[in-house]
Amino acid sequence: LFLPFPVTLIPMFDMWARLGLVNTMFPLIIPAMFGSAFYVFLLRQF
């Protein structure tokens, strides 16, 4: 949660560009398949 967004911006874009998925919806959808730290924390507490 403490990782700022700009730190992962360039590596993530480079990864999606190498996979040929830039200009598609997949870079905005696929990360949701691997969870989010805040949502995991919220559900775990419940």
All heavy atoms as atom14 arrays in JSON, in Angstrom:
{
  "sequence": "LFLPFPVTLIPMFDMWARLGLVNTMFPLIIPAMFGSAFYVFLLRQF",
  "atom14_mask": [
    [1, 1, 1, 1, 1, 1, 1, 1, 0, 0, 0, 0, 0, 0],
    [1, 1, 1, 1, 1, 1, 1, 1, 1, 1, 1, 0, 0, 0],
    [1, 1, 1, 1, 1, 1, 1, 1, 0, 0, 0, 0, 0, 0],
    [1, 1, 1, 1, 1, 1, 1, 0, 0, 0, 0, 0, 0, 0],
    [1, 1, 1, 1, 1, 1, 1, 1, 1, 1, 1, 0, 0, 0],
    [1, 1, 1, 1, 1, 1, 1, 0, 0, 0, 0, 0, 0, 0],
    [1, 1, 1, 1, 1, 1, 1, 0, 0, 0, 0, 0, 0, 0],
    [1, 1, 1, 1, 1, 1, 1, 0, 0, 0, 0, 0, 0, 0],
    [1, 1, 1, 1, 1, 1, 1, 1, 0, 0, 0, 0, 0, 0],
    [1, 1, 1, 1, 1, 1, 1, 1, 0, 0, 0, 0, 0, 0],
    [1, 1, 1, 1, 1, 1, 1, 0, 0, 0, 0, 0, 0, 0],
    [1, 1, 1, 1, 1, 1, 1, 1, 0, 0, 0, 0, 0, 0],
    [1, 1, 1, 1, 1, 1, 1, 1, 1, 1, 1, 0, 0, 0],
    [1, 1, 1, 1, 1, 1, 1, 1, 0, 0, 0, 0, 0, 0],
    [1, 1, 1, 1, 1, 1, 1, 1, 0, 0, 0, 0, 0, 0],
    [1, 1, 1, 1, 1, 1, 1, 1, 1, 1, 1, 1, 1, 1],
    [1, 1, 1, 1, 1, 0, 0, 0, 0, 0, 0, 0, 0, 0],
    [1, 1, 1, 1, 1, 1, 1, 1, 1, 1, 1, 0, 0, 0],
    [1, 1, 1, 1, 1, 1, 1, 1, 0, 0, 0, 0, 0, 0],
    [1, 1, 1, 1, 0, 0, 0, 0, 0, 0, 0, 0, 0, 0],
    [1, 1, 1, 1, 1, 1, 1, 1, 0, 0, 0, 0, 0, 0],
    [1, 1, 1, 1, 1, 1, 1, 0, 0, 0, 0, 0, 0, 0],
    [1, 1, 1, 1, 1, 1, 1, 1, 0, 0, 0, 0, 0, 0],
    [1, 1, 1, 1, 1, 1, 1, 0, 0, 0, 0, 0, 0, 0],
    [1, 1, 1, 1, 1, 1, 1, 1, 0, 0, 0, 0, 0, 0],
    [1, 1, 1, 1, 1, 1, 1, 1, 1, 1, 1, 0, 0, 0],
    [1, 1, 1, 1, 1, 1, 1, 0, 0, 0, 0, 0, 0, 0],
    [1, 1, 1, 1, 1, 1, 1, 1, 0, 0, 0, 0, 0, 0],
    [1, 1, 1, 1, 1, 1, 1, 1, 0, 0, 0, 0, 0, 0],
    [1, 1, 1, 1, 1, 1, 1, 1, 0, 0, 0, 0, 0, 0],
    [1, 1, 1, 1, 1, 1, 1, 0, 0, 0, 0, 0, 0, 0],
    [1, 1, 1, 1, 1, 0, 0, 0, 0, 0, 0, 0, 0, 0],
    [1, 1, 1, 1, 1, 1, 1, 1, 0, 0, 0, 0, 0, 0],
    [1, 1, 1, 1, 1, 1, 1, 1, 1, 1, 1, 0, 0, 0],
    [1, 1, 1, 1, 0, 0, 0, 0, 0, 0, 0, 0, 0, 0],
    [1, 1, 1, 1, 1, 1, 0, 0, 0, 0, 0, 0, 0, 0],
    [1, 1, 1, 1, 1, 0, 0, 0, 0, 0, 0, 0, 0, 0],
    [1, 1, 1, 1, 1, 1, 1, 1, 1, 1, 1, 0, 0, 0],
    [1, 1, 1, 1, 1, 1, 1, 1, 1, 1, 1, 1, 0, 0],
    [1, 1, 1, 1, 1, 1, 1, 0, 0, 0, 0, 0, 0, 0],
    [1, 1, 1, 1, 1, 1, 1, 1, 1, 1, 1, 0, 0, 0],
    [1, 1, 1, 1, 1, 1, 1, 1, 0, 0, 0, 0, 0, 0],
    [1, 1, 1, 1, 1, 1, 1, 1, 0, 0, 0, 0, 0, 0],
    [1, 1, 1, 1, 1, 1, 1, 1, 1, 1, 1, 0, 0, 0],
    [1, 1, 1, 1, 1, 1, 1, 1, 1, 0, 0, 0, 0, 0],
    [1, 1, 1, 1, 1, 1, 1, 1, 1, 1, 1, 0, 0, 0]
  ],
  "atom14_positions": [
    [[0.82, -1.21, 0.0], [0.0, 0.0, 0.0], [0.85, 1.26, 0.0], [0.39, 2.32, -0.43], [-0.92, 0.01, 1.22], [-2.09, -0.98, 1.22], [-2.78, -0.96, 2.57], [-3.08, -0.64, 0.12], [0.0, 0.0, 0.0], [0.0, 0.0, 0.0], [0.0, 0.0, 0.0], [0.0, 0.0, 0.0], [0.0, 0.0, 0.0], [0.0, 0.0, 0.0]],
    [[2.08, 1.14, 0.49], [2.94, 2.32, 0.6], [3.75, 2.57, -0.67], [4.53, 3.51, -0.71], [3.89, 2.15, 1.8], [3.16, 2.02, 3.11], [2.91, 0.77, 3.66], [2.72, 3.14, 3.78], [2.24, 0.65, 4.86], [2.05, 3.03, 4.98], [1.8, 1.78, 5.53], [0.0, 0.0, 0.0], [0.0, 0.0, 0.0], [0.0, 0.0, 0.0]],
    [[3.58, 1.72, -1.68], [4.28, 1.95, -2.94], [3.54, 3.02, -3.74], [2.37, 2.86, -4.07], [4.33, 0.66, -3.77], [5.31, -0.42, -3.29], [5.16, -1.67, -4.16], [6.74, 0.08, -3.34], [0.0, 0.0, 0.0], [0.0, 0.0, 0.0], [0.0, 0.0, 0.0], [0.0, 0.0, 0.0], [0.0, 0.0, 0.0], [0.0, 0.0, 0.0]],
    [[4.19, 4.13, -4.07], [3.51, 5.17, -4.85], [3.28, 4.69, -6.28], [4.06, 3.9, -6.84], [4.48, 6.35, -4.8], [5.81, 5.74, -4.51], [5.55, 4.52, -3.68], [0.0, 0.0, 0.0], [0.0, 0.0, 0.0], [0.0, 0.0, 0.0], [0.0, 0.0, 0.0], [0.0, 0.0, 0.0], [0.0, 0.0, 0.0], [0.0, 0.0, 0.0]],
    [[2.21, 5.19, -6.88], [1.84, 4.77, -8.23], [2.92, 5.05, -9.27], [3.17, 4.21, -10.15], [0.53, 5.45, -8.63], [0.09, 5.15, -10.03], [-0.41, 3.91, -10.35], [0.18, 6.11, -11.02], [-0.83, 3.62, -11.64], [-0.22, 5.85, -12.31], [-0.73, 4.59, -12.62], [0.0, 0.0, 0.0], [0.0, 0.0, 0.0], [0.0, 0.0, 0.0]],
    [[3.62, 6.2, -9.24], [4.66, 6.45, -10.26], [5.79, 5.42, -10.25], [6.46, 5.24, -11.27], [5.18, 7.84, -9.91], [4.05, 8.49, -9.19], [3.41, 7.39, -8.41], [0.0, 0.0, 0.0], [0.0, 0.0, 0.0], [0.0, 0.0, 0.0], [0.0, 0.0, 0.0], [0.0, 0.0, 0.0], [0.0, 0.0, 0.0], [0.0, 0.0, 0.0]],
    [[6.04, 4.76, -9.1], [7.12, 3.78, -9.04], [6.84, 2.6, -9.95], [7.76, 2.07, -10.61], [7.33, 3.32, -7.59], [8.32, 2.17, -7.51], [7.82, 4.49, -6.72], [0.0, 0.0, 0.0], [0.0, 0.0, 0.0], [0.0, 0.0, 0.0], [0.0, 0.0, 0.0], [0.0, 0.0, 0.0], [0.0, 0.0, 0.0], [0.0, 0.0, 0.0]],
    [[5.59, 2.18, -10.04], [5.23, 1.01, -10.85], [4.71, 1.39, -12.23], [4.42, 0.49, -13.03], [4.15, 0.19, -10.11], [2.99, 1.02, -9.91], [4.67, -0.29, -8.76], [0.0, 0.0, 0.0], [0.0, 0.0, 0.0], [0.0, 0.0, 0.0], [0.0, 0.0, 0.0], [0.0, 0.0, 0.0], [0.0, 0.0, 0.0], [0.0, 0.0, 0.0]],
    [[4.6, 2.67, -12.51], [4.0, 3.1, -13.77], [4.81, 2.63, -14.98], [4.29, 1.98, -15.89], [3.85, 4.62, -13.77], [3.32, 5.24, -15.06], [1.95, 4.7, -15.39], [3.28, 6.76, -14.93], [0.0, 0.0, 0.0], [0.0, 0.0, 0.0], [0.0, 0.0, 0.0], [0.0, 0.0, 0.0], [0.0, 0.0, 0.0], [0.0, 0.0, 0.0]],
    [[6.09, 2.95, -15.0], [6.92, 2.62, -16.17], [7.1, 1.11, -16.32], [6.95, 0.57, -17.43], [8.27, 3.35, -16.08], [8.06, 4.86, -16.14], [9.21, 2.89, -17.19], [9.32, 5.68, -16.01], [0.0, 0.0, 0.0], [0.0, 0.0, 0.0], [0.0, 0.0, 0.0], [0.0, 0.0, 0.0], [0.0, 0.0, 0.0], [0.0, 0.0, 0.0]],
    [[7.43, 0.35, -15.26], [7.55, -1.1, -15.44], [6.25, -1.75, -15.93], [6.29, -2.66, -16.77], [7.92, -1.61, -14.04], [8.56, -0.43, -13.38], [7.83, 0.76, -13.9], [0.0, 0.0, 0.0], [0.0, 0.0, 0.0], [0.0, 0.0, 0.0], [0.0, 0.0, 0.0], [0.0, 0.0, 0.0], [0.0, 0.0, 0.0], [0.0, 0.0, 0.0]],
    [[5.1, -1.3, -15.42], [3.83, -1.87, -15.85], [3.55, -1.56, -17.31], [3.12, -2.43, -18.08], [2.7, -1.34, -14.97], [2.73, -1.84, -13.54], [2.37, -3.62, -13.42], [0.67, -3.65, -13.91], [0.0, 0.0, 0.0], [0.0, 0.0, 0.0], [0.0, 0.0, 0.0], [0.0, 0.0, 0.0], [0.0, 0.0, 0.0], [0.0, 0.0, 0.0]],
    [[3.81, -0.32, -17.72], [3.58, 0.03, -19.12], [4.5, -0.76, -20.04], [4.08, -1.22, -21.11], [3.78, 1.54, -19.32], [3.51, 1.98, -20.73], [2.22, 2.28, -21.13], [4.53, 2.1, -21.66], [1.96, 2.69, -22.43], [4.29, 2.5, -22.95], [2.99, 2.8, -23.34], [0.0, 0.0, 0.0], [0.0, 0.0, 0.0], [0.0, 0.0, 0.0]],
    [[5.76, -0.92, -19.63], [6.69, -1.68, -20.45], [6.24, -3.14, -20.57], [6.34, -3.74, -21.65], [8.09, -1.61, -19.82], [9.13, -2.34, -20.66], [9.4, -1.91, -21.79], [9.67, -3.37, -20.17], [0.0, 0.0, 0.0], [0.0, 0.0, 0.0], [0.0, 0.0, 0.0], [0.0, 0.0, 0.0], [0.0, 0.0, 0.0], [0.0, 0.0, 0.0]],
    [[5.73, -3.71, -19.49], [5.26, -5.09, -19.54], [4.07, -5.24, -20.48], [4.04, -6.15, -21.33], [4.85, -5.54, -18.12], [4.35, -6.99, -18.06], [3.72, -7.43, -16.43], [2.2, -6.45, -16.41], [0.0, 0.0, 0.0], [0.0, 0.0, 0.0], [0.0, 0.0, 0.0], [0.0, 0.0, 0.0], [0.0, 0.0, 0.0], [0.0, 0.0, 0.0]],
    [[3.08, -4.35, -20.38], [1.91, -4.45, -21.26], [2.29, -4.16, -22.7], [1.71, -4.76, -23.63], [0.83, -3.48, -20.79], [0.25, -3.78, -19.45], [0.28, -2.98, -18.34], [-0.42, -4.98, -19.06], [-0.34, -3.6, -17.29], [-0.79, -4.83, -17.7], [-0.76, -6.16, -19.71], [-1.47, -5.81, -16.99], [-1.44, -7.15, -19.01], [-1.79, -6.97, -17.67]],
    [[3.26, -3.27, -22.92], [3.69, -2.99, -24.29], [4.37, -4.2, -24.91], [4.16, -4.52, -26.1], [4.63, -1.78, -24.32], [0.0, 0.0, 0.0], [0.0, 0.0, 0.0], [0.0, 0.0, 0.0], [0.0, 0.0, 0.0], [0.0, 0.0, 0.0], [0.0, 0.0, 0.0], [0.0, 0.0, 0.0], [0.0, 0.0, 0.0], [0.0, 0.0, 0.0]],
    [[5.2, -4.9, -24.13], [5.86, -6.11, -24.65], [4.85, -7.22, -24.93], [5.06, -8.04, -25.83], [6.9, -6.6, -23.65], [8.12, -5.68, -23.53], [9.09, -6.17, -22.47], [10.23, -5.28, -22.33], [11.35, -5.38, -23.07], [11.45, -6.34, -23.99], [12.34, -4.53, -22.89], [0.0, 0.0, 0.0], [0.0, 0.0, 0.0], [0.0, 0.0, 0.0]],
    [[3.76, -7.24, -24.18], [2.71, -8.24, -24.42], [1.77, -7.82, -25.55], [0.91, -8.61, -25.94], [1.9, -8.48, -23.15], [2.65, -9.13, -21.98], [1.76, -9.18, -20.75], [3.1, -10.54, -22.35], [0.0, 0.0, 0.0], [0.0, 0.0, 0.0], [0.0, 0.0, 0.0], [0.0, 0.0, 0.0], [0.0, 0.0, 0.0], [0.0, 0.0, 0.0]],
    [[1.93, -6.62, -26.06], [1.08, -6.15, -27.15], [-0.33, -5.82, -26.73], [-1.25, -5.9, -27.55], [0.0, 0.0, 0.0], [0.0, 0.0, 0.0], [0.0, 0.0, 0.0], [0.0, 0.0, 0.0], [0.0, 0.0, 0.0], [0.0, 0.0, 0.0], [0.0, 0.0, 0.0], [0.0, 0.0, 0.0], [0.0, 0.0, 0.0], [0.0, 0.0, 0.0]],
    [[-0.53, -5.45, -25.47], [-1.87, -5.2, -24.96], [-2.16, -3.72, -24.73], [-3.23, -3.38, -24.2], [-2.08, -5.96, -23.64], [-2.02, -7.49, -23.76], [-2.19, -8.13, -22.39], [-3.07, -8.0, -24.73], [0.0, 0.0, 0.0], [0.0, 0.0, 0.0], [0.0, 0.0, 0.0], [0.0, 0.0, 0.0], [0.0, 0.0, 0.0], [0.0, 0.0, 0.0]],
    [[-1.22, -2.84, -25.09], [-1.49, -1.41, -25.01], [-2.56, -1.05, -26.04], [-2.6, -1.6, -27.14], [-0.21, -0.59, -25.23], [-0.51, 0.89, -25.3], [0.8, -0.87, -24.12], [0.0, 0.0, 0.0], [0.0, 0.0, 0.0], [0.0, 0.0, 0.0], [0.0, 0.0, 0.0], [0.0, 0.0, 0.0], [0.0, 0.0, 0.0], [0.0, 0.0, 0.0]],
    [[-3.4, -0.12, -25.7], [-4.54, 0.28, -26.52], [-5.65, -0.76, -26.51], [-6.47, -0.83, -27.42], [-4.13, 0.59, -27.96], [-5.1, 1.53, -28.65], [-5.74, 2.36, -28.01], [-5.22, 1.4, -29.96], [0.0, 0.0, 0.0], [0.0, 0.0, 0.0], [0.0, 0.0, 0.0], [0.0, 0.0, 0.0], [0.0, 0.0, 0.0], [0.0, 0.0, 0.0]],
    [[-5.66, -1.59, -25.48], [-6.76, -2.52, -25.22], [-7.22, -2.33, -23.77], [-6.57, -1.66, -22.97], [-6.34, -3.98, -25.44], [-5.37, -4.35, -24.46], [-5.75, -4.17, -26.84], [0.0, 0.0, 0.0], [0.0, 0.0, 0.0], [0.0, 0.0, 0.0], [0.0, 0.0, 0.0], [0.0, 0.0, 0.0], [0.0, 0.0, 0.0], [0.0, 0.0, 0.0]],
    [[-8.34, -2.95, -23.41], [-8.87, -2.83, -22.06], [-8.18, -3.77, -21.06], [-8.4, -3.63, -19.86], [-10.38, -3.12, -22.06], [-11.19, -2.17, -22.91], [-12.96, -2.58, -22.84], [-13.63, -1.4, -24.01], [0.0, 0.0, 0.0], [0.0, 0.0, 0.0], [0.0, 0.0, 0.0], [0.0, 0.0, 0.0], [0.0, 0.0, 0.0], [0.0, 0.0, 0.0]],
    [[-7.39, -4.7, -21.55], [-6.81, -5.71, -20.66], [-5.9, -5.13, -19.57], [-5.94, -5.62, -18.44], [-6.05, -6.75, -21.49], [-6.96, -7.61, -22.32], [-7.0, -7.45, -23.7], [-7.76, -8.56, -21.74], [-7.83, -8.23, -24.48], [-8.61, -9.36, -22.51], [-8.64, -9.19, -23.89], [0.0, 0.0, 0.0], [0.0, 0.0, 0.0], [0.0, 0.0, 0.0]],
    [[-5.07, -4.12, -19.84], [-4.26, -3.57, -18.73], [-5.07, -2.97, -17.6], [-4.56, -2.8, -16.49], [-3.41, -2.49, -19.44], [-3.36, -2.9, -20.86], [-4.69, -3.52, -21.13], [0.0, 0.0, 0.0], [0.0, 0.0, 0.0], [0.0, 0.0, 0.0], [0.0, 0.0, 0.0], [0.0, 0.0, 0.0], [0.0, 0.0, 0.0], [0.0, 0.0, 0.0]],
    [[-6.33, -2.62, -17.87], [-7.18, -2.07, -16.83], [-8.02, -3.13, -16.12], [-8.58, -2.88, -15.05], [-8.12, -1.01, -17.43], [-7.44, 0.13, -18.18], [-8.48, 1.05, -18.8], [-6.53, 0.92, -17.26], [0.0, 0.0, 0.0], [0.0, 0.0, 0.0], [0.0, 0.0, 0.0], [0.0, 0.0, 0.0], [0.0, 0.0, 0.0], [0.0, 0.0, 0.0]],
    [[-8.12, -4.33, -16.7], [-8.96, -5.39, -16.16], [-8.14, -6.48, -15.48], [-8.46, -6.93, -14.37], [-9.84, -6.0, -17.27], [-10.81, -4.94, -17.82], [-10.61, -7.2, -16.76], [-11.63, -5.42, -18.99], [0.0, 0.0, 0.0], [0.0, 0.0, 0.0], [0.0, 0.0, 0.0], [0.0, 0.0, 0.0], [0.0, 0.0, 0.0], [0.0, 0.0, 0.0]],
    [[-7.06, -6.91, -16.14], [-6.29, -8.05, -15.64], [-5.73, -7.83, -14.23], [-5.74, -8.76, -13.41], [-5.16, -8.4, -16.64], [-5.77, -8.92, -17.95], [-4.21, -9.44, -16.05], [-4.75, -9.26, -19.02], [0.0, 0.0, 0.0], [0.0, 0.0, 0.0], [0.0, 0.0, 0.0], [0.0, 0.0, 0.0], [0.0, 0.0, 0.0], [0.0, 0.0, 0.0]],
    [[-5.22, -6.63, -13.87], [-4.72, -6.47, -12.5], [-5.74, -6.78, -11.42], [-5.37, -7.16, -10.3], [-4.29, -5.0, -12.46], [-3.93, -4.68, -13.87], [-4.91, -5.45, -14.69], [0.0, 0.0, 0.0], [0.0, 0.0, 0.0], [0.0, 0.0, 0.0], [0.0, 0.0, 0.0], [0.0, 0.0, 0.0], [0.0, 0.0, 0.0], [0.0, 0.0, 0.0]],
    [[-7.03, -6.65, -11.72], [-8.06, -6.95, -10.72], [-8.12, -8.44, -10.41], [-8.69, -8.83, -9.38], [-9.42, -6.46, -11.21], [0.0, 0.0, 0.0], [0.0, 0.0, 0.0], [0.0, 0.0, 0.0], [0.0, 0.0, 0.0], [0.0, 0.0, 0.0], [0.0, 0.0, 0.0], [0.0, 0.0, 0.0], [0.0, 0.0, 0.0], [0.0, 0.0, 0.0]],
    [[-7.58, -9.28, -11.29], [-7.59, -10.72, -11.03], [-6.62, -11.14, -9.94], [-6.69, -12.27, -9.45], [-7.24, -11.47, -12.32], [-8.19, -11.25, -13.47], [-7.67, -12.18, -14.93], [-8.92, -11.66, -16.12], [0.0, 0.0, 0.0], [0.0, 0.0, 0.0], [0.0, 0.0, 0.0], [0.0, 0.0, 0.0], [0.0, 0.0, 0.0], [0.0, 0.0, 0.0]],
    [[-5.71, -10.26, -9.55], [-4.65, -10.63, -8.59], [-4.84, -9.94, -7.24], [-3.96, -10.02, -6.4], [-3.28, -10.29, -9.18], [-3.0, -11.02, -10.46], [-3.26, -10.42, -11.68], [-2.5, -12.31, -10.43], [-3.0, -11.1, -12.88], [-2.24, -12.99, -11.61], [-2.5, -12.38, -12.84], [0.0, 0.0, 0.0], [0.0, 0.0, 0.0], [0.0, 0.0, 0.0]],
    [[-5.96, -9.29, -7.03], [-6.27, -8.74, -5.72], [-5.64, -7.38, -5.47], [-4.76, -6.92, -6.2], [0.0, 0.0, 0.0], [0.0, 0.0, 0.0], [0.0, 0.0, 0.0], [0.0, 0.0, 0.0], [0.0, 0.0, 0.0], [0.0, 0.0, 0.0], [0.0, 0.0, 0.0], [0.0, 0.0, 0.0], [0.0, 0.0, 0.0], [0.0, 0.0, 0.0]],
    [[-6.12, -6.77, -4.4], [-5.62, -5.47, -3.96], [-5.38, -5.54, -2.46], [-6.17, -6.14, -1.72], [-6.65, -4.37, -4.28], [-6.32, -3.15, -3.63], [0.0, 0.0, 0.0], [0.0, 0.0, 0.0], [0.0, 0.0, 0.0], [0.0, 0.0, 0.0], [0.0, 0.0, 0.0], [0.0, 0.0, 0.0], [0.0, 0.0, 0.0], [0.0, 0.0, 0.0]],
    [[-4.31, -4.93, -2.0], [-3.95, -5.02, -0.59], [-5.04, -4.43, 0.3], [-5.37, -5.01, 1.35], [-2.62, -4.29, -0.35], [0.0, 0.0, 0.0], [0.0, 0.0, 0.0], [0.0, 0.0, 0.0], [0.0, 0.0, 0.0], [0.0, 0.0, 0.0], [0.0, 0.0, 0.0], [0.0, 0.0, 0.0], [0.0, 0.0, 0.0], [0.0, 0.0, 0.0]],
    [[-5.64, -3.32, -0.1], [-6.67, -2.7, 0.73], [-7.91, -3.57, 0.8], [-8.5, -3.76, 1.88], [-7.02, -1.32, 0.18], [-8.18, -0.68, 0.88], [-8.04, -0.2, 2.18], [-9.41, -0.54, 0.26], [-9.1, 0.39, 2.84], [-10.47, 0.05, 0.91], [-10.32, 0.51, 2.2], [0.0, 0.0, 0.0], [0.0, 0.0, 0.0], [0.0, 0.0, 0.0]],
    [[-8.35, -4.13, -0.33], [-9.53, -4.98, -0.33], [-9.27, -6.27, 0.45], [-10.17, -6.77, 1.15], [-9.94, -5.31, -1.76], [-10.29, -4.1, -2.6], [-10.11, -4.11, -3.98], [-10.77, -2.94, -2.01], [-10.43, -3.0, -4.75], [-11.08, -1.82, -2.76], [-10.9, -1.86, -4.13], [-11.21, -0.75, -4.89], [0.0, 0.0, 0.0], [0.0, 0.0, 0.0]],
    [[-8.08, -6.83, 0.33], [-7.73, -8.03, 1.09], [-7.79, -7.73, 2.59], [-8.32, -8.52, 3.38], [-6.34, -8.55, 0.68], [-5.86, -9.63, 1.65], [-6.39, -9.1, -0.74], [0.0, 0.0, 0.0], [0.0, 0.0, 0.0], [0.0, 0.0, 0.0], [0.0, 0.0, 0.0], [0.0, 0.0, 0.0], [0.0, 0.0, 0.0], [0.0, 0.0, 0.0]],
    [[-7.25, -6.59, 2.98], [-7.28, -6.2, 4.4], [-8.71, -6.05, 4.89], [-9.07, -6.53, 5.97], [-6.51, -4.9, 4.59], [-6.66, -4.31, 5.95], [-5.95, -4.81, 7.03], [-7.52, -3.23, 6.16], [-6.1, -4.27, 8.3], [-7.67, -2.68, 7.42], [-6.96, -3.2, 8.49], [0.0, 0.0, 0.0], [0.0, 0.0, 0.0], [0.0, 0.0, 0.0]],
    [[-9.56, -5.39, 4.1], [-10.95, -5.17, 4.49], [-11.69, -6.48, 4.66], [-12.4, -6.7, 5.66], [-11.64, -4.28, 3.46], [-13.09, -3.89, 3.75], [-13.16, -3.02, 4.99], [-13.68, -3.15, 2.55], [0.0, 0.0, 0.0], [0.0, 0.0, 0.0], [0.0, 0.0, 0.0], [0.0, 0.0, 0.0], [0.0, 0.0, 0.0], [0.0, 0.0, 0.0]],
    [[-11.54, -7.39, 3.7], [-12.23, -8.67, 3.77], [-11.67, -9.55, 4.88], [-12.41, -10.28, 5.54], [-12.14, -9.39, 2.42], [-12.95, -8.76, 1.27], [-12.64, -9.46, -0.04], [-14.44, -8.86, 1.57], [0.0, 0.0, 0.0], [0.0, 0.0, 0.0], [0.0, 0.0, 0.0], [0.0, 0.0, 0.0], [0.0, 0.0, 0.0], [0.0, 0.0, 0.0]],
    [[-10.36, -9.5, 5.08], [-9.76, -10.32, 6.14], [-10.3, -9.91, 7.5], [-10.61, -10.77, 8.33], [-8.24, -10.17, 6.12], [-7.54, -10.89, 7.27], [-6.05, -10.65, 7.21], [-5.35, -11.25, 8.34], [-5.15, -10.64, 9.51], [-5.6, -9.41, 9.7], [-4.52, -11.25, 10.49], [0.0, 0.0, 0.0], [0.0, 0.0, 0.0], [0.0, 0.0, 0.0]],
    [[-10.42, -8.61, 7.74], [-10.95, -8.14, 9.02], [-12.38, -8.63, 9.24], [-12.78, -8.92, 10.36], [-10.9, -6.62, 9.08], [-9.49, -6.05, 9.06], [-8.62, -6.64, 10.15], [-7.68, -7.39, 9.88], [-8.94, -6.32, 11.39], [0.0, 0.0, 0.0], [0.0, 0.0, 0.0], [0.0, 0.0, 0.0], [0.0, 0.0, 0.0], [0.0, 0.0, 0.0]],
    [[-13.14, -8.71, 8.18], [-14.51, -9.22, 8.3], [-14.51, -10.72, 8.54], [-15.24, -11.21, 9.41], [-15.3, -8.89, 7.02], [-16.77, -9.19, 7.13], [-17.65, -8.19, 7.5], [-17.26, -10.45, 6.86], [-19.01, -8.47, 7.61], [-18.6, -10.73, 6.97], [-19.49, -9.74, 7.34], [0.0, 0.0, 0.0], [0.0, 0.0, 0.0], [0.0, 0.0, 0.0]]
  ]
}
